[in-house]
Every structure is written in C-alpha cells, then in structure tokens.
C-alpha cells in the first residue's frame, strides 16, 4: 500500500536563502509525526508546502496519490491545517465560526448542521456553540481553531505549534484531543518546541535542521534499542552491588545513590531477564527493576547537541 504522504526532493527558496533543500520522506496513514528543529529550520515552510500554500522551486508532494503541485484544490479536501498564528472572529459565536468554515470548505447546506455537531463533539466544545468567541479561554479558542481545520473531516491534519501560549491544563487537554484524533484514524504532523508533550501522542519524529531532513524515525526505535538505561530500586542499601555489576560485560556507567542504582545495559531483553534473575538468585535486595527510556528531548539533544534548541 502506498504511503498517505510522499515528499521527494522538496526544495524551497526565499530571496537569498534556501529554506528547504531536497527534503524527502513518506508518512504512513494513522501515524502522528513530531516535527522538531531549531527556529528557522524550515518546519513552517514545509507545512505550507504540504498544505499547498507555498509552491516549491523543485520536487514533488503527493497526498493519497494526488499531486499537491498539480491539484492544490483537490489536496485541500484532504488536509486540515492550523498555522502557528491564526485568527478568529470574536464577535461571532462558535457555531457561526464553524458554519463559516464549513461553507468555505464546500460542505452542502443540508449537511452543515451535522458537520458542526460532529466536529464540536470531537473537539469538546458542543456546550459552547452559542458562546461568542471573544468570551472563550485560550484553550477553548485553540479547540475551536482545530475544529475549523477539521470541519470537512480531512484525512491529514497539520498543526504548527498548537500548544503555544497554553497553560499546563490546556496543554494536557490538547494532548488528549490529539490522541483522540489519532485513535479516530487521522494522520497528524505536529510541530512544537515542547518535546515532552509531543512524546505523549507521537509515533514518529522528524528532525529538520538548516532546511535539511536530518532524521525521520519511529519513536519506538528509540525506546526499544539494544542499549538502554536500567534502574534498580533496592529494599535497603547493598554494599558491594556496584562492584558485582561492574563484572558484567554488558553493564557500564554505574551510578549508585542510596537505594537506587542506575546503569547502561547493552544487551537484549532476554539478557536483561537473565541479569535480573541472577541478581535475585544472589540475594541482592532488588525490589524494582525498570527501563529508563530516553524521551524526545534527550534523543534530540544527544543527536543534535545542546546548542540546537528545538522550536
């Protein structure tokens, strides 16, 4: 089966600056891709090209086998796009805003009320339909903006910095909403500088740096790699455990802190099982054994350096 999104050799230039340089990737249906990179890396330009709002100088983009360059209007039916900076009409009600966008997306009149009902339920603003936008909180405005972007039930949702300006509660609610959209079969590409939140709902990570695609990988590949950090929690301090662990060939970088011992382990899950069995058989007071998985922030900084601030 062909990928839902296919980009090949995408190149985009502003006067005096190449914003994207031969970027190529594919995205499968039902995935959520975290788009990360420093300011000015080309993330927003890439989204504008995918949404047929900017025309590259070279390369091609296909969405569900439809060429964005040849058929931009047809591609708009497949995409819901929320840019970083968006506008809402404060004097209109939530219902009027959704109706306006439904008409703009070409939804026929007899289907508009149902589309508004389905969409407002999906983004959890059904009880605010008759409230003026100017009276909504920042989080509810964000939900409405996403609702406007998906009123036509697109397969692909592009979100540029959707958590920007939200308080912690609203960010958590946004994460839950994006999980619901993912579970509903949508394919999402989300850029954000809040890497810990992207990790809550993302299946893949794409890193853009200086207009080039530096990495595009499954987040699972990072979490289940053969080299991982293990954490032992002890029922009581155990003198000599560090020395015993240091004799294991697969163990390195041991750090002991009272009843906690952390170390890097280079081995398979089966090797990990045997190590735990060995520790218990030897009588060491291990009461918990856990893998400390690298999060997106750690993975990004490890690969691209602390000087590259994700944004």
C-alpha atoms as a PDB file:
ATOM      1  CA  UNK A   1       0.000   0.000   0.000  1.00  0.00           C
ATOM      2  CA  UNK A   2       1.402   3.415  -0.953  1.00  0.00           C
ATOM      3  CA  UNK A   3       2.083   5.969   1.841  1.00  0.00           C
ATOM      4  CA  UNK A   4      -0.507   8.634   2.587  1.00  0.00           C
ATOM      5  CA  UNK A   5       2.100  11.416   2.249  1.00  0.00           C
ATOM      6  CA  UNK A   6       5.061  11.224  -0.099  1.00  0.00           C
ATOM      7  CA  UNK A   7       7.605  14.043  -0.438  1.00  0.00           C
ATOM      8  CA  UNK A   8      10.595  13.811  -2.764  1.00  0.00           C
ATOM      9  CA  UNK A   9      13.486  16.259  -3.224  1.00  0.00           C
ATOM     10  CA  UNK A  10      11.415  19.176  -1.916  1.00  0.00           C
ATOM     11  CA  UNK A  11      13.348  22.432  -2.330  1.00  0.00           C
ATOM     12  CA  UNK A  12      12.092  25.896  -1.408  1.00  0.00           C
ATOM     13  CA  UNK A  13      13.937  29.200  -1.640  1.00  0.00           C
ATOM     14  CA  UNK A  14      13.322  32.662  -0.266  1.00  0.00           C
ATOM     15  CA  UNK A  15      15.376  35.538  -1.720  1.00  0.00           C
ATOM     16  CA  UNK A  16      18.917  34.831  -0.614  1.00  0.00           C
ATOM     17  CA  UNK A  17      18.025  31.783   1.486  1.00  0.00           C
ATOM     18  CA  UNK A  18      17.278  28.135   0.781  1.00  0.00           C
ATOM     19  CA  UNK A  19      14.591  27.224   3.327  1.00  0.00           C
ATOM     20  CA  UNK A  20      14.305  23.558   2.286  1.00  0.00           C
ATOM     21  CA  UNK A  21      16.947  21.523   0.483  1.00  0.00           C
ATOM     22  CA  UNK A  22      15.979  18.250  -1.238  1.00  0.00           C
ATOM     23  CA  UNK A  23      13.768  17.034   1.605  1.00  0.00           C
ATOM     24  CA  UNK A  24      12.357  13.534   1.038  1.00  0.00           C
ATOM     25  CA  UNK A  25      10.171  11.375   3.282  1.00  0.00           C
ATOM     26  CA  UNK A  26       6.991   9.298   3.444  1.00  0.00           C
ATOM     27  CA  UNK A  27       4.314   9.201   6.152  1.00  0.00           C
ATOM     28  CA  UNK A  28       2.001   6.258   6.643  1.00  0.00           C
ATOM     29  CA  UNK A  29      -1.707   6.564   7.376  1.00  0.00           C
ATOM     30  CA  UNK A  30      -2.650   6.655  11.058  1.00  0.00           C
ATOM     31  CA  UNK A  31       0.721   7.924  12.291  1.00  0.00           C
ATOM     32  CA  UNK A  32       1.491  11.038  14.334  1.00  0.00           C
ATOM     33  CA  UNK A  33       4.778  12.659  13.368  1.00  0.00           C
ATOM     34  CA  UNK A  34       6.511  15.123  15.683  1.00  0.00           C
ATOM     35  CA  UNK A  35       8.225  17.774  13.556  1.00  0.00           C
ATOM     36  CA  UNK A  36      11.104  19.330  15.516  1.00  0.00           C
ATOM     37  CA  UNK A  37      14.068  21.569  14.830  1.00  0.00           C
ATOM     38  CA  UNK A  38      15.528  24.992  15.709  1.00  0.00           C
ATOM     39  CA  UNK A  39      13.929  28.301  14.816  1.00  0.00           C
ATOM     40  CA  UNK A  40      14.315  28.971  11.103  1.00  0.00           C
ATOM     41  CA  UNK A  41      14.945  25.305  10.300  1.00  0.00           C
ATOM     42  CA  UNK A  42      12.147  25.193   7.708  1.00  0.00           C
ATOM     43  CA  UNK A  43       9.331  23.498   9.647  1.00  0.00           C
ATOM     44  CA  UNK A  44       6.647  26.084   8.854  1.00  0.00           C
ATOM     45  CA  UNK A  45       7.791  26.309   5.228  1.00  0.00           C
ATOM     46  CA  UNK A  46       7.445  22.529   4.955  1.00  0.00           C
ATOM     47  CA  UNK A  47       3.919  22.662   6.346  1.00  0.00           C
ATOM     48  CA  UNK A  48       2.963  25.484   3.983  1.00  0.00           C
ATOM     49  CA  UNK A  49       4.197  23.395   1.050  1.00  0.00           C
ATOM     50  CA  UNK A  50       2.242  20.346   2.230  1.00  0.00           C
ATOM     51  CA  UNK A  51      -0.878  22.492   2.581  1.00  0.00           C
ATOM     52  CA  UNK A  52      -0.442  23.856  -0.966  1.00  0.00           C
ATOM     53  CA  UNK A  53       0.014  27.374   0.411  1.00  0.00           C
ATOM     54  CA  UNK A  54       3.585  27.725  -0.867  1.00  0.00           C
ATOM     55  CA  UNK A  55       4.981  26.407  -4.128  1.00  0.00           C
ATOM     56  CA  UNK A  56       8.466  24.833  -4.026  1.00  0.00           C
ATOM     57  CA  UNK A  57      11.038  25.503  -6.714  1.00  0.00           C
ATOM     58  CA  UNK A  58      11.731  21.795  -7.092  1.00  0.00           C
ATOM     59  CA  UNK A  59      10.458  18.390  -6.010  1.00  0.00           C
ATOM     60  CA  UNK A  60       7.021  16.896  -5.623  1.00  0.00           C
ATOM     61  CA  UNK A  61       4.444  16.186  -2.920  1.00  0.00           C
ATOM     62  CA  UNK A  62       1.723  13.559  -3.184  1.00  0.00           C
ATOM     63  CA  UNK A  63      -1.159  13.183  -0.748  1.00  0.00           C
ATOM     64  CA  UNK A  64      -3.072   9.933  -1.202  1.00  0.00           C
ATOM     65  CA  UNK A  65      -1.653   9.749  -4.764  1.00  0.00           C
ATOM     66  CA  UNK A  66      -2.808  13.307  -5.559  1.00  0.00           C
ATOM     67  CA  UNK A  67      -0.126  15.784  -6.618  1.00  0.00           C
ATOM     68  CA  UNK A  68      -0.154  18.917  -4.461  1.00  0.00           C
ATOM     69  CA  UNK A  69       1.532  20.947  -7.204  1.00  0.00           C
ATOM     70  CA  UNK A  70      -0.835  19.830  -9.959  1.00  0.00           C
ATOM     71  CA  UNK A  71      -4.080  19.692  -7.952  1.00  0.00           C
ATOM     72  CA  UNK A  72      -3.827  22.019  -4.931  1.00  0.00           C
ATOM     73  CA  UNK A  73      -7.594  22.459  -4.570  1.00  0.00           C
ATOM     74  CA  UNK A  74      -8.165  18.715  -4.505  1.00  0.00           C
ATOM     75  CA  UNK A  75      -5.457  18.364  -1.856  1.00  0.00           C
ATOM     76  CA  UNK A  76      -7.184  20.958   0.314  1.00  0.00           C
ATOM     77  CA  UNK A  77     -10.015  18.453   0.768  1.00  0.00           C
ATOM     78  CA  UNK A  78      -7.554  16.008   2.309  1.00  0.00           C
ATOM     79  CA  UNK A  79      -5.878  18.469   4.687  1.00  0.00           C
ATOM     80  CA  UNK A  80      -6.804  20.328   7.828  1.00  0.00           C
ATOM     81  CA  UNK A  81      -4.193  22.977   8.644  1.00  0.00           C
ATOM     82  CA  UNK A  82      -3.807  25.052  11.798  1.00  0.00           C
ATOM     83  CA  UNK A  83      -0.957  27.564  11.401  1.00  0.00           C
ATOM     84  CA  UNK A  84       1.033  28.949  14.305  1.00  0.00           C
ATOM     85  CA  UNK A  85      -0.740  32.310  14.022  1.00  0.00           C
ATOM     86  CA  UNK A  86      -4.429  32.062  13.262  1.00  0.00           C
ATOM     87  CA  UNK A  87      -7.369  34.432  13.503  1.00  0.00           C
ATOM     88  CA  UNK A  88     -10.864  34.010  14.920  1.00  0.00           C
ATOM     89  CA  UNK A  89     -13.849  36.355  14.709  1.00  0.00           C
ATOM     90  CA  UNK A  90     -14.501  37.433  18.308  1.00  0.00           C
ATOM     91  CA  UNK A  91     -17.984  38.798  17.529  1.00  0.00           C
ATOM     92  CA  UNK A  92     -19.206  35.509  16.042  1.00  0.00           C
ATOM     93  CA  UNK A  93     -20.445  32.558  18.056  1.00  0.00           C
ATOM     94  CA  UNK A  94     -18.660  29.225  17.969  1.00  0.00           C
ATOM     95  CA  UNK A  95     -21.484  27.873  15.806  1.00  0.00           C
ATOM     96  CA  UNK A  96     -21.166  30.739  13.331  1.00  0.00           C
ATOM     97  CA  UNK A  97     -17.394  30.254  13.065  1.00  0.00           C
ATOM     98  CA  UNK A  98     -17.796  26.548  12.324  1.00  0.00           C
ATOM     99  CA  UNK A  99     -20.584  27.262   9.824  1.00  0.00           C
ATOM    100  CA  UNK A 100     -18.444  29.848   8.055  1.00  0.00           C
ATOM    101  CA  UNK A 101     -15.601  27.363   7.686  1.00  0.00           C
ATOM    102  CA  UNK A 102     -17.974  24.598   6.600  1.00  0.00           C
ATOM    103  CA  UNK A 103     -19.252  26.817   3.791  1.00  0.00           C
ATOM    104  CA  UNK A 104     -15.685  27.760   2.836  1.00  0.00           C
ATOM    105  CA  UNK A 105     -14.843  24.043   2.585  1.00  0.00           C
ATOM    106  CA  UNK A 106     -17.773  23.450   0.247  1.00  0.00           C
ATOM    107  CA  UNK A 107     -19.955  21.388   2.586  1.00  0.00           C
ATOM    108  CA  UNK A 108     -23.506  21.445   1.215  1.00  0.00           C
ATOM    109  CA  UNK A 109     -26.087  23.356   3.254  1.00  0.00           C
ATOM    110  CA  UNK A 110     -28.150  20.346   4.380  1.00  0.00           C
ATOM    111  CA  UNK A 111     -25.029  18.703   5.853  1.00  0.00           C
ATOM    112  CA  UNK A 112     -23.632  21.704   7.715  1.00  0.00           C
ATOM    113  CA  UNK A 113     -25.561  21.294  10.989  1.00  0.00           C
ATOM    114  CA  UNK A 114     -24.476  17.676  11.265  1.00  0.00           C
ATOM    115  CA  UNK A 115     -20.858  18.586  10.477  1.00  0.00           C
ATOM    116  CA  UNK A 116     -20.936  21.251  13.215  1.00  0.00           C
ATOM    117  CA  UNK A 117     -22.382  18.768  15.713  1.00  0.00           C
ATOM    118  CA  UNK A 118     -19.820  16.056  14.901  1.00  0.00           C
ATOM    119  CA  UNK A 119     -16.884  18.458  14.937  1.00  0.00           C
ATOM    120  CA  UNK A 120     -17.870  20.276  18.140  1.00  0.00           C
ATOM    121  CA  UNK A 121     -18.238  16.912  19.882  1.00  0.00           C
ATOM    122  CA  UNK A 122     -14.850  15.819  18.565  1.00  0.00           C
ATOM    123  CA  UNK A 123     -13.083  18.886  19.969  1.00  0.00           C
ATOM    124  CA  UNK A 124     -15.298  19.058  23.090  1.00  0.00           C
ATOM    125  CA  UNK A 125     -16.964  22.438  22.546  1.00  0.00           C
ATOM    126  CA  UNK A 126     -20.530  21.240  21.935  1.00  0.00           C
ATOM    127  CA  UNK A 127     -21.716  23.137  25.033  1.00  0.00           C
ATOM    128  CA  UNK A 128     -20.168  26.397  23.762  1.00  0.00           C
ATOM    129  CA  UNK A 129     -21.805  26.605  20.342  1.00  0.00           C
ATOM    130  CA  UNK A 130     -23.805  29.740  21.183  1.00  0.00           C
ATOM    131  CA  UNK A 131     -20.995  31.498  23.081  1.00  0.00           C
ATOM    132  CA  UNK A 132     -19.204  34.354  21.355  1.00  0.00           C
ATOM    133  CA  UNK A 133     -15.588  33.600  20.559  1.00  0.00           C
ATOM    134  CA  UNK A 134     -14.412  36.706  22.387  1.00  0.00           C
ATOM    135  CA  UNK A 135     -15.589  35.129  25.660  1.00  0.00           C
ATOM    136  CA  UNK A 136     -13.622  31.893  25.235  1.00  0.00           C
ATOM    137  CA  UNK A 137     -10.445  30.981  27.113  1.00  0.00           C
ATOM    138  CA  UNK A 138      -7.162  30.485  25.223  1.00  0.00           C
ATOM    139  CA  UNK A 139      -7.580  26.713  25.388  1.00  0.00           C
ATOM    140  CA  UNK A 140     -11.143  26.786  24.059  1.00  0.00           C
ATOM    141  CA  UNK A 141     -10.113  29.136  21.246  1.00  0.00           C
ATOM    142  CA  UNK A 142      -7.455  26.594  20.290  1.00  0.00           C
ATOM    143  CA  UNK A 143     -10.073  23.839  20.247  1.00  0.00           C
ATOM    144  CA  UNK A 144     -12.310  25.959  18.042  1.00  0.00           C
ATOM    145  CA  UNK A 145      -9.410  26.663  15.671  1.00  0.00           C
ATOM    146  CA  UNK A 146      -8.720  22.933  15.394  1.00  0.00           C
ATOM    147  CA  UNK A 147     -12.447  22.367  14.867  1.00  0.00           C
ATOM    148  CA  UNK A 148     -12.416  24.818  11.974  1.00  0.00           C
ATOM    149  CA  UNK A 149      -9.428  22.986  10.486  1.00  0.00           C
ATOM    150  CA  UNK A 150     -11.170  19.591  10.602  1.00  0.00           C
ATOM    151  CA  UNK A 151     -14.799  20.549   9.890  1.00  0.00           C
ATOM    152  CA  UNK A 152     -14.559  18.841   6.476  1.00  0.00           C
ATOM    153  CA  UNK A 153     -13.253  15.592   8.062  1.00  0.00           C
ATOM    154  CA  UNK A 154      -9.790  15.582   6.415  1.00  0.00           C
ATOM    155  CA  UNK A 155      -7.519  12.543   6.455  1.00  0.00           C
ATOM    156  CA  UNK A 156      -4.419  14.641   7.229  1.00  0.00           C
ATOM    157  CA  UNK A 157      -4.094  17.244   9.998  1.00  0.00           C
ATOM    158  CA  UNK A 158      -1.167  19.695  10.063  1.00  0.00           C
ATOM    159  CA  UNK A 159      -0.667  21.584  13.340  1.00  0.00           C
ATOM    160  CA  UNK A 160       2.047  24.235  13.665  1.00  0.00           C
ATOM    161  CA  UNK A 161       2.909  24.910  17.331  1.00  0.00           C
ATOM    162  CA  UNK A 162      -0.612  24.043  18.588  1.00  0.00           C
ATOM    163  CA  UNK A 163       0.384  24.246  22.285  1.00  0.00           C
ATOM    164  CA  UNK A 164       1.884  27.729  22.007  1.00  0.00           C
ATOM    165  CA  UNK A 165       0.560  30.031  24.725  1.00  0.00           C
ATOM    166  CA  UNK A 166      -1.491  27.369  26.519  1.00  0.00           C
ATOM    167  CA  UNK A 167      -1.339  26.839  30.273  1.00  0.00           C
ATOM    168  CA  UNK A 168      -0.407  23.350  31.609  1.00  0.00           C
ATOM    169  CA  UNK A 169      -4.036  22.224  31.956  1.00  0.00           C
ATOM    170  CA  UNK A 170      -4.920  23.351  28.432  1.00  0.00           C
ATOM    171  CA  UNK A 171      -1.780  21.651  27.071  1.00  0.00           C
ATOM    172  CA  UNK A 172      -2.797  18.390  28.726  1.00  0.00           C
ATOM    173  CA  UNK A 173      -6.295  18.702  27.265  1.00  0.00           C
ATOM    174  CA  UNK A 174      -4.789  19.378  23.830  1.00  0.00           C
ATOM    175  CA  UNK A 175      -2.663  16.228  24.106  1.00  0.00           C
ATOM    176  CA  UNK A 176      -5.766  14.205  24.932  1.00  0.00           C
ATOM    177  CA  UNK A 177      -7.590  15.718  21.951  1.00  0.00           C
ATOM    178  CA  UNK A 178      -4.764  14.845  19.560  1.00  0.00           C
ATOM    179  CA  UNK A 179      -4.732  11.293  20.912  1.00  0.00           C
ATOM    180  CA  UNK A 180      -8.454  11.053  20.199  1.00  0.00           C
ATOM    181  CA  UNK A 181      -7.908  12.316  16.642  1.00  0.00           C
ATOM    182  CA  UNK A 182      -5.116   9.775  16.164  1.00  0.00           C
ATOM    183  CA  UNK A 183      -7.289   6.979  17.522  1.00  0.00           C
ATOM    184  CA  UNK A 184     -10.041   8.149  15.176  1.00  0.00           C
ATOM    185  CA  UNK A 185      -7.830   7.308  12.210  1.00  0.00           C
ATOM    186  CA  UNK A 186      -6.405  10.738  11.449  1.00  0.00           C
ATOM    187  CA  UNK A 187      -2.808  11.208  10.312  1.00  0.00           C
ATOM    188  CA  UNK A 188      -1.113  14.122  12.066  1.00  0.00           C
ATOM    189  CA  UNK A 189       2.037  16.165  11.552  1.00  0.00           C
ATOM    190  CA  UNK A 190       2.642  18.348  14.618  1.00  0.00           C
ATOM    191  CA  UNK A 191       5.439  20.833  15.169  1.00  0.00           C
ATOM    192  CA  UNK A 192       6.240  22.045  18.662  1.00  0.00           C
ATOM    193  CA  UNK A 193       9.133  23.156  20.852  1.00  0.00           C
ATOM    194  CA  UNK A 194       7.595  21.262  23.808  1.00  0.00           C
ATOM    195  CA  UNK A 195       9.158  17.893  23.055  1.00  0.00           C
ATOM    196  CA  UNK A 196       7.873  16.167  26.204  1.00  0.00           C
ATOM    197  CA  UNK A 197       4.287  16.791  25.102  1.00  0.00           C
ATOM    198  CA  UNK A 198       4.917  15.638  21.538  1.00  0.00           C
ATOM    199  CA  UNK A 199       6.086  12.356  23.015  1.00  0.00           C
ATOM    200  CA  UNK A 200       2.690  11.825  24.659  1.00  0.00           C
ATOM    201  CA  UNK A 201       0.963  11.225  21.340  1.00  0.00           C
ATOM    202  CA  UNK A 202       3.605  10.874  18.599  1.00  0.00           C
ATOM    203  CA  UNK A 203       4.571   7.677  16.805  1.00  0.00           C
ATOM    204  CA  UNK A 204       7.432   9.169  14.763  1.00  0.00           C
ATOM    205  CA  UNK A 205       9.940  12.011  14.986  1.00  0.00           C
ATOM    206  CA  UNK A 206      11.154  14.105  12.075  1.00  0.00           C
ATOM    207  CA  UNK A 207      14.077  16.494  12.608  1.00  0.00           C
ATOM    208  CA  UNK A 208      14.593  19.461  10.273  1.00  0.00           C
ATOM    209  CA  UNK A 209      17.835  21.417  10.576  1.00  0.00           C
ATOM    210  CA  UNK A 210      19.051  24.162   8.229  1.00  0.00           C
ATOM    211  CA  UNK A 211      16.414  23.191   5.684  1.00  0.00           C
ATOM    212  CA  UNK A 212      17.514  19.550   5.566  1.00  0.00           C
ATOM    213  CA  UNK A 213      15.849  16.442   6.898  1.00  0.00           C
ATOM    214  CA  UNK A 214      18.335  15.139   9.472  1.00  0.00           C
ATOM    215  CA  UNK A 215      16.278  12.245  10.792  1.00  0.00           C
ATOM    216  CA  UNK A 216      12.896  10.575  10.370  1.00  0.00           C
ATOM    217  CA  UNK A 217      12.382   7.605  12.629  1.00  0.00           C
ATOM    218  CA  UNK A 218       9.906   5.674  14.707  1.00  0.00           C
ATOM    219  CA  UNK A 219       9.895   6.741  18.348  1.00  0.00           C
ATOM    220  CA  UNK A 220       9.613   3.053  19.214  1.00  0.00           C
ATOM    221  CA  UNK A 221      13.085   2.570  17.698  1.00  0.00           C
ATOM    222  CA  UNK A 222      14.484   4.846  20.388  1.00  0.00           C
ATOM    223  CA  UNK A 223      12.547   3.278  23.236  1.00  0.00           C
ATOM    224  CA  UNK A 224      13.407  -0.314  22.474  1.00  0.00           C
ATOM    225  CA  UNK A 225      17.007  -0.021  21.400  1.00  0.00           C
ATOM    226  CA  UNK A 226      19.539  -2.696  22.470  1.00  0.00           C
ATOM    227  CA  UNK A 227      21.477  -0.185  24.587  1.00  0.00           C
ATOM    228  CA  UNK A 228      19.282   1.178  27.368  1.00  0.00           C
ATOM    229  CA  UNK A 229      19.476   2.595  30.875  1.00  0.00           C
ATOM    230  CA  UNK A 230      18.268   0.296  33.662  1.00  0.00           C
ATOM    231  CA  UNK A 231      17.311   1.391  37.156  1.00  0.00           C
ATOM    232  CA  UNK A 232      17.379  -0.930  40.180  1.00  0.00           C
ATOM    233  CA  UNK A 233      15.451   0.070  43.287  1.00  0.00           C
ATOM    234  CA  UNK A 234      16.665  -1.682  46.442  1.00  0.00           C
ATOM    235  CA  UNK A 235      14.803  -2.521  49.619  1.00  0.00           C
ATOM    236  CA  UNK A 236      17.876  -1.315  51.514  1.00  0.00           C
ATOM    237  CA  UNK A 237      21.378  -0.116  50.632  1.00  0.00           C
ATOM    238  CA  UNK A 238      23.555  -3.007  49.440  1.00  0.00           C
ATOM    239  CA  UNK A 239      27.305  -2.655  49.782  1.00  0.00           C
ATOM    240  CA  UNK A 240      29.182  -4.427  47.009  1.00  0.00           C
ATOM    241  CA  UNK A 241      26.402  -4.372  44.412  1.00  0.00           C
ATOM    242  CA  UNK A 242      28.194  -1.832  42.238  1.00  0.00           C
ATOM    243  CA  UNK A 243      31.319  -3.988  42.227  1.00  0.00           C
ATOM    244  CA  UNK A 244      29.266  -7.068  41.328  1.00  0.00           C
ATOM    245  CA  UNK A 245      27.539  -5.256  38.464  1.00  0.00           C
ATOM    246  CA  UNK A 246      30.835  -3.964  37.108  1.00  0.00           C
ATOM    247  CA  UNK A 247      31.868  -7.583  36.450  1.00  0.00           C
ATOM    248  CA  UNK A 248      29.028  -7.931  33.934  1.00  0.00           C
ATOM    249  CA  UNK A 249      30.255  -7.369  30.361  1.00  0.00           C
ATOM    250  CA  UNK A 250      27.018  -5.704  29.259  1.00  0.00           C
ATOM    251  CA  UNK A 251      26.959  -3.231  32.167  1.00  0.00           C
ATOM    252  CA  UNK A 252      28.657   0.187  32.165  1.00  0.00           C
ATOM    253  CA  UNK A 253      28.335   3.712  33.610  1.00  0.00           C
ATOM    254  CA  UNK A 254      27.056   2.565  37.008  1.00  0.00           C
ATOM    255  CA  UNK A 255      25.696   5.260  39.335  1.00  0.00           C
ATOM    256  CA  UNK A 256      24.649   4.378  42.879  1.00  0.00           C
ATOM    257  CA  UNK A 257      22.573   6.651  45.101  1.00  0.00           C
ATOM    258  CA  UNK A 258      21.440   5.005  48.311  1.00  0.00           C
ATOM    259  CA  UNK A 259      18.701   2.554  47.391  1.00  0.00           C
ATOM    260  CA  UNK A 260      18.845   3.341  43.671  1.00  0.00           C
ATOM    261  CA  UNK A 261      21.371   2.019  41.151  1.00  0.00           C
ATOM    262  CA  UNK A 262      21.329   3.182  37.533  1.00  0.00           C
ATOM    263  CA  UNK A 263      23.490   1.787  34.739  1.00  0.00           C
ATOM    264  CA  UNK A 264      23.735   1.431  30.966  1.00  0.00           C
ATOM    265  CA  UNK A 265      22.969  -2.068  29.704  1.00  0.00           C
ATOM    266  CA  UNK A 266      23.996  -3.298  26.243  1.00  0.00           C
ATOM    267  CA  UNK A 267      22.003  -6.448  25.625  1.00  0.00           C
ATOM    268  CA  UNK A 268      18.739  -7.958  24.508  1.00  0.00           C
ATOM    269  CA  UNK A 269      15.568  -8.232  26.564  1.00  0.00           C
ATOM    270  CA  UNK A 270      16.468 -11.884  27.143  1.00  0.00           C
ATOM    271  CA  UNK A 271      19.861 -10.777  28.511  1.00  0.00           C
ATOM    272  CA  UNK A 272      18.026  -8.303  30.720  1.00  0.00           C
ATOM    273  CA  UNK A 273      15.843 -11.144  32.075  1.00  0.00           C
ATOM    274  CA  UNK A 274      18.907 -13.247  32.917  1.00  0.00           C
ATOM    275  CA  UNK A 275      20.581 -10.321  34.697  1.00  0.00           C
ATOM    276  CA  UNK A 276      17.541  -9.765  36.912  1.00  0.00           C
ATOM    277  CA  UNK A 277      17.283 -13.498  37.650  1.00  0.00           C
ATOM    278  CA  UNK A 278      20.971 -13.579  38.539  1.00  0.00           C
ATOM    279  CA  UNK A 279      20.694 -10.612  40.901  1.00  0.00           C
ATOM    280  CA  UNK A 280      17.739 -12.127  42.739  1.00  0.00           C
ATOM    281  CA  UNK A 281      19.387 -15.556  42.966  1.00  0.00           C
ATOM    282  CA  UNK A 282      22.467 -13.956  44.512  1.00  0.00           C
ATOM    283  CA  UNK A 283      20.293 -12.435  47.226  1.00  0.00           C
ATOM    284  CA  UNK A 284      20.654  -8.767  46.308  1.00  0.00           C
ATOM    285  CA  UNK A 285      17.647  -6.824  47.771  1.00  0.00           C
ATOM    286  CA  UNK A 286      16.169  -5.738  44.418  1.00  0.00           C
ATOM    287  CA  UNK A 287      12.529  -4.684  44.818  1.00  0.00           C
ATOM    288  CA  UNK A 288      12.046  -2.936  41.450  1.00  0.00           C
ATOM    289  CA  UNK A 289      13.709  -3.153  38.032  1.00  0.00           C
ATOM    290  CA  UNK A 290      12.867  -0.594  35.347  1.00  0.00           C
ATOM    291  CA  UNK A 291      13.992   0.739  31.986  1.00  0.00           C
ATOM    292  CA  UNK A 292      14.568   4.491  31.893  1.00  0.00           C
ATOM    293  CA  UNK A 293      13.576   5.318  28.338  1.00  0.00           C
ATOM    294  CA  UNK A 294      15.043   8.303  26.579  1.00  0.00           C
ATOM    295  CA  UNK A 295      12.467  10.946  25.884  1.00  0.00           C
ATOM    296  CA  UNK A 296      12.332  13.056  22.742  1.00  0.00           C
ATOM    297  CA  UNK A 297      14.205  15.899  24.422  1.00  0.00           C
ATOM    298  CA  UNK A 298      17.129  13.639  25.394  1.00  0.00           C
ATOM    299  CA  UNK A 299      17.203  11.960  21.986  1.00  0.00           C
ATOM    300  CA  UNK A 300      17.164  15.312  20.179  1.00  0.00           C
ATOM    301  CA  UNK A 301      19.920  16.857  22.305  1.00  0.00           C
ATOM    302  CA  UNK A 302      22.047  13.706  22.125  1.00  0.00           C
ATOM    303  CA  UNK A 303      21.952  13.691  18.326  1.00  0.00           C
ATOM    304  CA  UNK A 304      21.980  17.391  17.527  1.00  0.00           C
ATOM    305  CA  UNK A 305      23.677  18.997  20.515  1.00  0.00           C
ATOM    306  CA  UNK A 306      22.549  21.234  23.339  1.00  0.00           C
ATOM    307  CA  UNK A 307      23.283  24.268  21.164  1.00  0.00           C
ATOM    308  CA  UNK A 308      20.372  23.325  18.838  1.00  0.00           C
ATOM    309  CA  UNK A 309      17.251  24.497  20.612  1.00  0.00           C
ATOM    310  CA  UNK A 310      14.151  22.699  19.378  1.00  0.00           C
ATOM    311  CA  UNK A 311      11.403  25.095  18.467  1.00  0.00           C
END
